């Protein structure tokens, strides 16, 4: 084993990430709930968030075997189910009230009617911060976030010194690393902020092969000429006159 100086170990250990430095926010939700101050809402949500996690990502594959060992063929990206958030509950229960209102935007509690996805889906961000710096070296942006469930709030006679918490289960479609080449940006993902196409839903146009382009166009022209001759022949057979 190679010798490493103790000062090197100290420098490496001081560079480890401390998970207590993070920021969690839900973009677009204050506007959907009609909250007056967006900044105060985001601050309260962040303060109430006791724990959250950076979601995992996997690549689904299918076994493929011809001869010899089985090969794995990847075909799509998958993500770690739902985002579980543990939130502290204030004395006014406003955090739970926010989530209840958000769930009512998805399904009305009185009529059980489903709403259009654009009326309740938002984007969320999770940012990691270091102890020395004020900028985030790593953050992810989750798309199409909506509340899937709100957990119970436990009360009891022996919980005098405890703080009430609740579990919030948020569904999301995918996530991007903020600032990466694949990140479409908040403006491009917010459907209410722009009427332009969303990059993640843009259809992929297949490139046209220059070697077959002329053949395909010629075949289409020959097919139209054959259809015209067939129509003229049918008209002549029924006593019509072709012009």
Protein backbone atom coordinates (compact mmCIF):
# COMPACT_ATOMS: atom_id res chain seq x y z
CA UNK A 1 0.00 0.00 0.00
CA UNK A 2 1.52 3.37 -0.96
CA UNK A 3 2.22 5.79 1.84
CA UNK A 4 0.04 8.90 1.99
CA UNK A 5 0.93 11.78 4.23
CA UNK A 6 -1.53 12.59 7.04
CA UNK A 7 -1.93 16.13 5.71
CA UNK A 8 -3.21 14.66 2.46
CA UNK A 9 -5.85 12.66 4.33
CA UNK A 10 -6.90 15.80 6.20
CA UNK A 11 -7.20 17.76 2.96
CA UNK A 12 -9.27 15.00 1.34
CA UNK A 13 -11.56 14.63 4.37
CA UNK A 14 -12.20 18.36 4.52
CA UNK A 15 -13.35 18.23 0.90
CA UNK A 16 -16.14 15.71 1.60
CA UNK A 17 -19.70 16.87 1.17
CA UNK A 18 -21.76 17.53 4.30
CA UNK A 19 -25.41 16.67 3.51
CA UNK A 20 -26.78 19.34 5.84
CA UNK A 21 -26.05 22.04 3.26
CA UNK A 22 -28.83 21.90 0.67
CA UNK A 23 -31.71 23.90 -0.75
CA UNK A 24 -35.05 22.56 -1.96
CA UNK A 25 -37.62 24.60 -3.85
CA UNK A 26 -40.70 24.03 -5.98
CA UNK A 27 -40.92 26.43 -8.89
CA UNK A 28 -44.31 27.59 -10.12
CA UNK A 29 -46.28 26.26 -7.15
CA UNK A 30 -46.86 29.65 -5.43
CA UNK A 31 -48.47 31.01 -8.59
CA UNK A 32 -50.74 27.96 -8.91
CA UNK A 33 -51.81 28.25 -5.26
CA UNK A 34 -52.25 32.03 -5.44
CA UNK A 35 -49.65 32.74 -2.76
CA UNK A 36 -48.81 36.44 -2.46
CA UNK A 37 -45.04 36.37 -1.82
CA UNK A 38 -43.15 33.79 -3.85
CA UNK A 39 -39.91 34.43 -1.95
CA UNK A 40 -41.52 33.94 1.46
CA UNK A 41 -43.18 30.74 0.23
CA UNK A 42 -39.89 29.27 -1.02
CA UNK A 43 -38.15 30.25 2.23
CA UNK A 44 -40.84 28.58 4.33
CA UNK A 45 -40.78 25.43 2.22
CA UNK A 46 -36.99 25.23 2.52
CA UNK A 47 -37.08 25.77 6.28
CA UNK A 48 -39.77 23.11 6.68
CA UNK A 49 -37.85 20.55 4.61
CA UNK A 50 -36.07 18.32 7.07
CA UNK A 51 -34.74 15.84 4.54
CA UNK A 52 -34.88 15.11 0.83
CA UNK A 53 -32.66 13.15 -1.51
CA UNK A 54 -31.07 13.42 -4.91
CA UNK A 55 -32.95 10.84 -7.00
CA UNK A 56 -31.19 7.93 -8.61
CA UNK A 57 -31.13 7.06 -12.28
CA UNK A 58 -30.88 3.67 -13.94
CA UNK A 59 -30.74 2.34 -17.48
CA UNK A 60 -33.22 -0.44 -18.19
CA UNK A 61 -31.91 -3.32 -20.26
CA UNK A 62 -33.15 -6.50 -21.86
CA UNK A 63 -31.17 -9.77 -21.93
CA UNK A 64 -30.12 -10.81 -25.43
CA UNK A 65 -28.60 -14.19 -26.16
CA UNK A 66 -27.43 -15.77 -29.37
CA UNK A 67 -24.52 -17.94 -28.30
CA UNK A 68 -22.34 -17.84 -25.24
CA UNK A 69 -22.89 -15.50 -22.28
CA UNK A 70 -26.04 -13.36 -22.18
CA UNK A 71 -25.62 -9.78 -23.33
CA UNK A 72 -27.59 -6.85 -21.88
CA UNK A 73 -29.09 -4.39 -24.37
CA UNK A 74 -29.99 -0.96 -22.88
CA UNK A 75 -33.14 0.69 -24.16
CA UNK A 76 -34.28 3.53 -21.83
CA UNK A 77 -33.56 5.58 -18.70
CA UNK A 78 -35.54 4.96 -15.53
CA UNK A 79 -35.67 6.93 -12.30
CA UNK A 80 -36.04 6.08 -8.61
CA UNK A 81 -39.80 6.16 -8.27
CA UNK A 82 -41.14 9.06 -6.24
CA UNK A 83 -39.37 11.83 -4.35
CA UNK A 84 -39.93 11.42 -0.60
CA UNK A 85 -39.69 14.65 1.38
CA UNK A 86 -39.82 14.87 5.17
CA UNK A 87 -41.29 18.21 6.23
CA UNK A 88 -41.59 19.83 9.65
CA UNK A 89 -45.07 21.04 10.53
CA UNK A 90 -45.51 24.53 11.94
CA UNK A 91 -48.06 25.47 14.61
CA UNK A 92 -50.48 26.75 11.94
CA UNK A 93 -50.19 23.55 9.83
CA UNK A 94 -49.62 25.76 6.79
CA UNK A 95 -47.22 23.26 5.19
CA UNK A 96 -49.90 20.59 5.24
CA UNK A 97 -52.47 23.11 4.03
CA UNK A 98 -50.21 23.96 1.05
CA UNK A 99 -49.92 20.31 0.10
CA UNK A 100 -53.65 19.71 0.56
CA UNK A 101 -54.43 22.61 -1.78
CA UNK A 102 -51.91 21.29 -4.29
CA UNK A 103 -53.52 17.84 -4.21
CA UNK A 104 -56.92 19.46 -4.80
CA UNK A 105 -55.49 20.93 -8.00
CA UNK A 106 -54.84 17.37 -9.18
CA UNK A 107 -58.14 15.79 -8.11
CA UNK A 108 -61.00 17.77 -6.63
CA UNK A 109 -61.81 16.43 -3.16
CA UNK A 110 -65.51 17.22 -3.58
CA UNK A 111 -66.25 16.33 -7.21
CA UNK A 112 -63.36 13.84 -7.79
CA UNK A 113 -62.76 15.47 -11.16
CA UNK A 114 -59.29 15.26 -12.69
CA UNK A 115 -57.65 18.48 -13.80
CA UNK A 116 -55.42 19.19 -16.79
CA UNK A 117 -51.74 18.36 -16.03
CA UNK A 118 -50.53 21.89 -16.82
CA UNK A 119 -52.70 23.22 -13.99
CA UNK A 120 -50.90 21.29 -11.24
CA UNK A 121 -47.50 20.06 -12.49
CA UNK A 122 -44.42 22.06 -11.48
CA UNK A 123 -40.65 21.82 -11.57
CA UNK A 124 -38.52 21.33 -8.46
CA UNK A 125 -34.82 21.87 -7.75
CA UNK A 126 -32.46 20.30 -5.22
CA UNK A 127 -29.18 22.13 -4.73
CA UNK A 128 -26.10 21.02 -2.79
CA UNK A 129 -23.85 23.59 -1.09
CA UNK A 130 -20.42 23.35 0.51
CA UNK A 131 -19.40 24.78 3.86
CA UNK A 132 -16.99 27.31 2.37
CA UNK A 133 -18.72 28.41 -0.81
CA UNK A 134 -22.10 30.03 -1.48
CA UNK A 135 -22.57 28.55 -4.95
CA UNK A 136 -23.96 25.10 -5.69
CA UNK A 137 -21.47 22.66 -7.26
CA UNK A 138 -24.26 20.20 -8.03
CA UNK A 139 -28.02 20.64 -8.43
CA UNK A 140 -30.77 18.79 -10.24
CA UNK A 141 -34.02 20.00 -11.78
CA UNK A 142 -37.00 17.65 -11.65
CA UNK A 143 -39.72 17.98 -14.26
CA UNK A 144 -43.50 17.47 -14.09
CA UNK A 145 -43.66 17.28 -10.30
CA UNK A 146 -47.02 16.73 -8.61
CA UNK A 147 -48.14 15.57 -5.13
CA UNK A 148 -48.93 11.88 -4.97
CA UNK A 149 -49.45 11.53 -1.24
CA UNK A 150 -49.28 13.25 2.14
CA UNK A 151 -48.32 11.19 5.18
CA UNK A 152 -49.85 11.26 8.61
CA UNK A 153 -48.85 13.66 11.38
CA UNK A 154 -48.33 11.74 14.61
CA UNK A 155 -49.46 13.30 17.90
CA UNK A 156 -49.17 11.92 21.42
CA UNK A 157 -48.99 12.74 25.11
CA UNK A 158 -45.33 11.77 25.35
CA UNK A 159 -44.15 13.96 22.47
CA UNK A 160 -43.71 17.18 24.46
CA UNK A 161 -40.20 17.92 23.20
CA UNK A 162 -40.72 16.50 19.70
CA UNK A 163 -41.37 18.37 16.46
CA UNK A 164 -44.22 17.17 14.27
CA UNK A 165 -43.23 15.97 10.80
CA UNK A 166 -45.01 14.57 7.79
CA UNK A 167 -43.97 12.66 4.70
CA UNK A 168 -44.76 14.14 1.30
CA UNK A 169 -44.59 11.89 -1.74
CA UNK A 170 -43.90 13.76 -4.98
CA UNK A 171 -44.08 12.12 -8.38
CA UNK A 172 -41.79 13.36 -11.17
CA UNK A 173 -41.05 12.39 -14.74
CA UNK A 174 -37.30 12.89 -15.04
CA UNK A 175 -34.48 15.10 -13.83
CA UNK A 176 -31.62 17.05 -15.39
CA UNK A 177 -28.34 18.23 -13.92
CA UNK A 178 -28.61 22.01 -13.89
CA UNK A 179 -26.16 23.58 -16.31
CA UNK A 180 -25.44 20.37 -18.21
CA UNK A 181 -25.79 20.18 -22.02
CA UNK A 182 -29.01 18.15 -21.57
CA UNK A 183 -30.60 20.73 -19.28
CA UNK A 184 -33.36 22.55 -21.23
CA UNK A 185 -33.53 25.31 -18.60
CA UNK A 186 -36.37 26.43 -16.38
CA UNK A 187 -37.90 28.75 -18.98
CA UNK A 188 -38.08 26.04 -21.62
CA UNK A 189 -39.65 23.55 -19.21
CA UNK A 190 -42.25 25.91 -17.79
CA UNK A 191 -45.23 25.46 -20.09
CA UNK A 192 -46.85 28.65 -18.88
CA UNK A 193 -43.69 30.72 -19.40
CA UNK A 194 -43.26 30.00 -23.09
CA UNK A 195 -45.39 28.92 -26.00
CA UNK A 196 -42.42 27.43 -27.82
CA UNK A 197 -41.72 23.71 -28.16
CA UNK A 198 -40.34 21.80 -25.17
CA UNK A 199 -36.98 20.23 -26.05
CA UNK A 200 -37.67 16.99 -24.18
CA UNK A 201 -40.85 16.45 -26.24
CA UNK A 202 -39.60 17.59 -29.64
CA UNK A 203 -39.94 14.78 -32.19
CA UNK A 204 -36.68 13.52 -33.65
CA UNK A 205 -36.62 13.97 -37.41
CA UNK A 206 -34.91 11.14 -39.21
CA UNK A 207 -32.18 12.39 -41.59
CA UNK A 208 -32.95 11.88 -45.25
CA UNK A 209 -30.62 9.57 -47.13
CA UNK A 210 -29.35 11.43 -50.22
CA UNK A 211 -28.85 8.12 -52.04
CA UNK A 212 -32.51 7.12 -51.75
CA UNK A 213 -34.12 10.58 -51.86
CA UNK A 214 -34.31 10.64 -55.66
CA UNK A 215 -35.55 7.08 -55.84
CA UNK A 216 -38.35 7.76 -53.35
CA UNK A 217 -39.43 10.93 -55.17
CA UNK A 218 -39.35 9.09 -58.51
CA UNK A 219 -41.39 6.22 -57.10
CA UNK A 220 -44.00 8.62 -55.81
CA UNK A 221 -44.27 10.32 -59.21
CA UNK A 222 -44.60 6.96 -61.00
CA UNK A 223 -47.32 5.91 -58.53
CA UNK A 224 -49.32 9.08 -59.27
CA UNK A 225 -49.03 8.50 -63.03
CA UNK A 226 -50.20 4.89 -62.65
CA UNK A 227 -53.20 6.01 -60.59
CA UNK A 228 -54.16 8.54 -63.27
CA UNK A 229 -53.95 5.93 -66.04
CA UNK A 230 -56.05 3.48 -63.99
CA UNK A 231 -58.71 6.13 -63.40
CA UNK A 232 -58.80 7.02 -67.09
CA UNK A 233 -59.15 3.36 -68.02
CA UNK A 234 -62.06 2.86 -65.62
CA UNK A 235 -63.86 5.91 -66.97
CA UNK A 236 -63.42 4.62 -70.53
CA UNK A 237 -64.79 1.20 -69.61
CA UNK A 238 -68.00 2.79 -68.31
CA UNK A 239 -68.57 4.81 -71.45
CA UNK A 240 -67.07 8.02 -70.21
CA UNK A 241 -64.81 10.29 -72.20
CA UNK A 242 -61.31 11.00 -70.97
CA UNK A 243 -60.03 14.51 -71.44
